[in-house]
PDB file of N, CA and C in Angstrom:
ATOM      1  N   MET A   1     -13.103 -10.315   0.001  1.00  0.00           N
ATOM      2  CA  MET A   1     -13.871 -10.932  -0.653  1.00  0.00           C
ATOM      3  C   MET A   1     -13.227 -10.219  -2.326  1.00  0.00           C
ATOM      4  N   GLU A   2     -13.137  -9.131  -2.201  1.00  0.00           N
ATOM      5  CA  GLU A   2     -12.838  -8.582  -3.825  1.00  0.00           C
ATOM      6  C   GLU A   2     -10.939  -9.311  -3.888  1.00  0.00           C
ATOM      7  N   GLU A   3     -10.230  -9.531  -2.855  1.00  0.00           N
ATOM      8  CA  GLU A   3      -8.943 -10.180  -3.147  1.00  0.00           C
ATOM      9  C   GLU A   3      -9.217 -11.553  -3.398  1.00  0.00           C
ATOM     10  N   ALA A   4     -10.078 -11.995  -3.383  1.00  0.00           N
ATOM     11  CA  ALA A   4     -10.701 -13.670  -3.940  1.00  0.00           C
ATOM     12  C   ALA A   4     -10.957 -13.753  -5.142  1.00  0.00           C
ATOM     13  N   LEU A   5     -11.548 -12.623  -5.525  1.00  0.00           N
ATOM     14  CA  LEU A   5     -11.691 -12.772  -7.058  1.00  0.00           C
ATOM     15  C   LEU A   5     -10.653 -12.045  -7.688  1.00  0.00           C
ATOM     16  N   ASP A   6      -9.605 -11.657  -7.294  1.00  0.00           N
ATOM     17  CA  ASP A   6      -8.518 -11.058  -8.113  1.00  0.00           C
ATOM     18  C   ASP A   6      -7.697 -12.401  -7.796  1.00  0.00           C
ATOM     19  N   ARG A   7      -7.513 -12.994  -6.684  1.00  0.00           N
ATOM     20  CA  ARG A   7      -6.580 -14.534  -6.910  1.00  0.00           C
ATOM     21  C   ARG A   7      -7.176 -15.107  -8.069  1.00  0.00           C
ATOM     22  N   PHE A   8      -8.497 -15.440  -7.994  1.00  0.00           N
ATOM     23  CA  PHE A   8      -9.266 -16.362  -8.640  1.00  0.00           C
ATOM     24  C   PHE A   8      -9.086 -16.172 -10.272  1.00  0.00           C
ATOM     25  N   ILE A   9      -8.801 -15.122 -10.805  1.00  0.00           N
ATOM     26  CA  ILE A   9      -8.857 -14.364 -12.082  1.00  0.00           C
ATOM     27  C   ILE A   9      -7.452 -14.538 -12.060  1.00  0.00           C
ATOM     28  N   ALA A  10      -6.176 -14.519 -10.987  1.00  0.00           N
ATOM     29  CA  ALA A  10      -5.099 -14.429 -11.651  1.00  0.00           C
ATOM     30  C   ALA A  10      -4.588 -16.308 -11.674  1.00  0.00           C
ATOM     31  N   CYS A  11      -5.392 -16.975 -11.559  1.00  0.00           N
ATOM     32  CA  CYS A  11      -4.969 -18.381 -10.973  1.00  0.00           C
ATOM     33  C   CYS A  11      -5.255 -19.212 -12.659  1.00  0.00           C
ATOM     34  N   GLU A  12      -4.133 -18.978 -13.355  1.00  0.00           N
ATOM     35  CA  GLU A  12      -3.852 -19.993 -14.275  1.00  0.00           C
ATOM     36  C   GLU A  12      -4.602 -21.550 -14.277  1.00  0.00           C
ATOM     37  N   PRO A  13      -4.068 -22.051 -13.355  1.00  0.00           N
ATOM     38  CA  PRO A  13      -4.565 -23.705 -13.410  1.00  0.00           C
ATOM     39  C   PRO A  13      -6.074 -23.671 -13.417  1.00  0.00           C
ATOM     40  N   VAL A  14      -6.285 -23.163 -12.375  1.00  0.00           N
ATOM     41  CA  VAL A  14      -8.091 -23.057 -12.049  1.00  0.00           C
ATOM     42  C   VAL A  14      -8.781 -22.990 -13.628  1.00  0.00           C
ATOM     43  N   ARG A  15      -8.305 -21.790 -14.359  1.00  0.00           N
ATOM     44  CA  ARG A  15      -9.001 -21.435 -15.267  1.00  0.00           C
ATOM     45  C   ARG A  15      -8.843 -22.418 -16.333  1.00  0.00           C
ATOM     46  N   ALA A  16      -7.781 -23.117 -16.409  1.00  0.00           N
ATOM     47  CA  ALA A  16      -7.543 -24.541 -17.181  1.00  0.00           C
ATOM     48  C   ALA A  16      -8.431 -25.528 -16.926  1.00  0.00           C
ATOM     49  N   LEU A  17      -8.155 -25.847 -15.515  1.00  0.00           N
ATOM     50  CA  LEU A  17      -9.234 -26.791 -15.269  1.00  0.00           C
ATOM     51  C   LEU A  17     -10.615 -26.568 -15.223  1.00  0.00           C
ATOM     52  N   LEU A  18     -11.085 -25.728 -15.010  1.00  0.00           N
ATOM     53  CA  LEU A  18     -12.908 -25.177 -14.978  1.00  0.00           C
ATOM     54  C   LEU A  18     -13.235 -25.331 -16.516  1.00  0.00           C
ATOM     55  N   GLY A  19     -12.440 -24.689 -17.638  1.00  0.00           N
ATOM     56  CA  GLY A  19     -12.637 -24.192 -18.684  1.00  0.00           C
ATOM     57  C   GLY A  19     -13.072 -22.750 -18.743  1.00  0.00           C
ATOM     58  N   GLU A  20     -12.717 -21.873 -19.872  1.00  0.00           N
ATOM     59  CA  GLU A  20     -13.144 -20.686 -20.079  1.00  0.00           C
ATOM     60  C   GLU A  20     -14.647 -19.928 -20.022  1.00  0.00           C
ATOM     61  N   ASP A  21     -15.492 -20.887 -20.282  1.00  0.00           N
ATOM     62  CA  ASP A  21     -16.941 -20.636 -20.610  1.00  0.00           C
ATOM     63  C   ASP A  21     -17.397 -20.541 -18.760  1.00  0.00           C
ATOM     64  N   PHE A  22     -16.976 -21.974 -18.141  1.00  0.00           N
ATOM     65  CA  PHE A  22     -17.289 -21.912 -16.929  1.00  0.00           C
ATOM     66  C   PHE A  22     -16.746 -20.948 -16.045  1.00  0.00           C
ATOM     67  N   PHE A  23     -15.218 -20.433 -15.765  1.00  0.00           N
ATOM     68  CA  PHE A  23     -14.650 -19.764 -15.424  1.00  0.00           C
ATOM     69  C   PHE A  23     -15.372 -18.547 -15.748  1.00  0.00           C
ATOM     70  N   GLN A  24     -15.620 -17.926 -17.056  1.00  0.00           N
ATOM     71  CA  GLN A  24     -15.791 -16.415 -17.137  1.00  0.00           C
ATOM     72  C   GLN A  24     -17.868 -16.358 -16.171  1.00  0.00           C
ATOM     73  N   THR A  25     -18.020 -17.588 -16.469  1.00  0.00           N
ATOM     74  CA  THR A  25     -19.549 -17.533 -15.915  1.00  0.00           C
ATOM     75  C   THR A  25     -19.435 -17.304 -14.436  1.00  0.00           C
ATOM     76  N   TYR A  26     -18.694 -18.116 -13.775  1.00  0.00           N
ATOM     77  CA  TYR A  26     -18.548 -17.856 -12.492  1.00  0.00           C
ATOM     78  C   TYR A  26     -18.197 -16.611 -11.809  1.00  0.00           C
ATOM     79  N   LEU A  27     -17.160 -16.296 -12.685  1.00  0.00           N
ATOM     80  CA  LEU A  27     -16.669 -14.717 -12.484  1.00  0.00           C
ATOM     81  C   LEU A  27     -17.827 -13.434 -12.211  1.00  0.00           C
ATOM     82  N   ARG A  28     -18.617 -13.597 -13.431  1.00  0.00           N
ATOM     83  CA  ARG A  28     -19.734 -13.164 -13.558  1.00  0.00           C
ATOM     84  C   ARG A  28     -20.596 -12.902 -12.377  1.00  0.00           C
ATOM     85  N   VAL A  29     -20.896 -14.290 -11.971  1.00  0.00           N
ATOM     86  CA  VAL A  29     -21.832 -14.402 -10.642  1.00  0.00           C
ATOM     87  C   VAL A  29     -21.110 -13.900  -9.550  1.00  0.00           C
ATOM     88  N   LYS A  30     -20.063 -14.272  -8.969  1.00  0.00           N
ATOM     89  CA  LYS A  30     -19.557 -13.714  -8.056  1.00  0.00           C
ATOM     90  C   LYS A  30     -19.383 -12.259  -8.183  1.00  0.00           C
ATOM     91  N   SER A  31     -18.929 -11.722  -9.069  1.00  0.00           N
ATOM     92  CA  SER A  31     -18.551 -10.230  -9.329  1.00  0.00           C
ATOM     93  C   SER A  31     -20.408  -9.432  -8.670  1.00  0.00           C
ATOM     94  N   VAL A  32     -21.406  -9.962  -9.316  1.00  0.00           N
ATOM     95  CA  VAL A  32     -22.533  -9.415  -9.095  1.00  0.00           C
ATOM     96  C   VAL A  32     -22.801  -9.907  -7.642  1.00  0.00           C
ATOM     97  N   GLU A  33     -22.529 -11.140  -6.796  1.00  0.00           N
ATOM     98  CA  GLU A  33     -22.925 -11.112  -5.638  1.00  0.00           C
ATOM     99  C   GLU A  33     -22.034 -10.070  -4.962  1.00  0.00           C
ATOM    100  N   LEU A  34     -20.898  -9.952  -5.416  1.00  0.00           N
ATOM    101  CA  LEU A  34     -19.793  -9.101  -4.429  1.00  0.00           C
ATOM    102  C   LEU A  34     -20.471  -7.259  -4.715  1.00  0.00           C
ATOM    103  N   ASP A  35     -20.775  -7.187  -5.817  1.00  0.00           N
ATOM    104  CA  ASP A  35     -21.589  -5.622  -5.982  1.00  0.00           C
ATOM    105  C   ASP A  35     -22.507  -5.691  -5.067  1.00  0.00           C
ATOM    106  N   LEU A  36     -23.539  -6.607  -5.163  1.00  0.00           N
ATOM    107  CA  LEU A  36     -25.066  -6.863  -4.065  1.00  0.00           C
ATOM    108  C   LEU A  36     -24.584  -6.724  -2.648  1.00  0.00           C
ATOM    109  N   PHE A  37     -23.508  -7.348  -2.407  1.00  0.00           N
ATOM    110  CA  PHE A  37     -22.885  -7.469  -0.887  1.00  0.00           C
ATOM    111  C   PHE A  37     -22.389  -6.016  -0.185  1.00  0.00           C
ATOM    112  N   GLN A  38     -21.546  -5.555  -1.404  1.00  0.00           N
ATOM    113  CA  GLN A  38     -21.194  -3.897  -1.080  1.00  0.00           C
ATOM    114  C   GLN A  38     -22.039  -2.669  -0.880  1.00  0.00           C
ATOM    115  N   SER A  39     -23.226  -3.132  -1.774  1.00  0.00           N
ATOM    116  CA  SER A  39     -24.504  -2.122  -1.763  1.00  0.00           C
ATOM    117  C   SER A  39     -25.183  -2.193  -0.618  1.00  0.00           C
ATOM    118  N   VAL A  40     -25.349  -3.101   0.408  1.00  0.00           N
ATOM    119  CA  VAL A  40     -26.160  -3.346   1.552  1.00  0.00           C
ATOM    120  C   VAL A  40     -25.482  -2.853   2.728  1.00  0.00           C
ATOM    121  N   VAL A  41     -26.474  -1.945   3.797  1.00  0.00           N
ATOM    122  CA  VAL A  41     -25.823  -1.487   4.830  1.00  0.00           C
ATOM    123  C   VAL A  41     -26.373  -2.542   5.718  1.00  0.00           C
ATOM    124  N   THR A  42     -25.457  -3.264   6.350  1.00  0.00           N
ATOM    125  CA  THR A  42     -25.827  -4.455   7.519  1.00  0.00           C
ATOM    126  C   THR A  42     -26.331  -3.600   8.439  1.00  0.00           C
ATOM    127  N   SER A  43     -26.802  -4.729   9.609  1.00  0.00           N
ATOM    128  CA  SER A  43     -27.726  -3.719  10.965  1.00  0.00           C
ATOM    129  C   SER A  43     -26.501  -3.548  11.701  1.00  0.00           C
ATOM    130  N   TRP A  44     -25.397  -4.291  11.532  1.00  0.00           N
ATOM    131  CA  TRP A  44     -24.226  -3.648  12.371  1.00  0.00           C
ATOM    132  C   TRP A  44     -23.588  -2.392  12.005  1.00  0.00           C
ATOM    133  N   GLU A  45     -23.507  -2.177  10.828  1.00  0.00           N
ATOM    134  CA  GLU A  45     -23.196  -0.986  10.253  1.00  0.00           C
ATOM    135  C   GLU A  45     -23.805   0.442  10.893  1.00  0.00           C
ATOM    136  N   ARG A  46     -25.526  -0.268  10.652  1.00  0.00           N
ATOM    137  CA  ARG A  46     -26.446   0.819  10.759  1.00  0.00           C
ATOM    138  C   ARG A  46     -26.266   1.164  12.545  1.00  0.00           C
ATOM    139  N   ASP A  47     -26.365   0.291  13.288  1.00  0.00           N
ATOM    140  CA  ASP A  47     -26.001   0.337  14.472  1.00  0.00           C
ATOM    141  C   ASP A  47     -24.612   0.903  15.441  1.00  0.00           C
ATOM    142  N   HIS A  48     -23.555   0.583  14.634  1.00  0.00           N
ATOM    143  CA  HIS A  48     -22.354   1.299  15.222  1.00  0.00           C
ATOM    144  C   HIS A  48     -21.582   2.247  14.573  1.00  0.00           C
ATOM    145  N   LEU A  49     -22.203   2.439  13.155  1.00  0.00           N
ATOM    146  CA  LEU A  49     -21.335   3.621  12.489  1.00  0.00           C
ATOM    147  C   LEU A  49     -22.187   4.758  12.244  1.00  0.00           C
ATOM    148  N   LEU A  50     -23.356   4.596  11.759  1.00  0.00           N
ATOM    149  CA  LEU A  50     -24.119   5.392  11.244  1.00  0.00           C
ATOM    150  C   LEU A  50     -24.449   6.445  12.428  1.00  0.00           C
ATOM    151  N   LEU A  51     -24.637   5.784  13.669  1.00  0.00           N
ATOM    152  CA  LEU A  51     -25.092   6.710  14.640  1.00  0.00           C
ATOM    153  C   LEU A  51     -24.014   7.247  15.772  1.00  0.00           C
ATOM    154  N   LYS A  52     -22.698   7.058  14.725  1.00  0.00           N
ATOM    155  CA  LYS A  52     -21.554   7.780  15.396  1.00  0.00           C
ATOM    156  C   LYS A  52     -20.996   9.027  14.385  1.00  0.00           C
ATOM    157  N   VAL A  53     -22.054   9.209  13.342  1.00  0.00           N
ATOM    158  CA  VAL A  53     -21.367  10.047  13.004  1.00  0.00           C
ATOM    159  C   VAL A  53     -22.107  11.410  13.000  1.00  0.00           C
TER     160      VAL A  53
END
């Protein structure tokens, strides 16, 4: 998902198509979503990784 954001940032045609204001707003929203996603320990991680430490 981080790579997808990096590609989004680097894609000038998308930036031009969406406009700078929407582009920046979308980028902020998706960055917050990614941060939240990365801060959560999933049930699979708990079951399969935490118990093996």
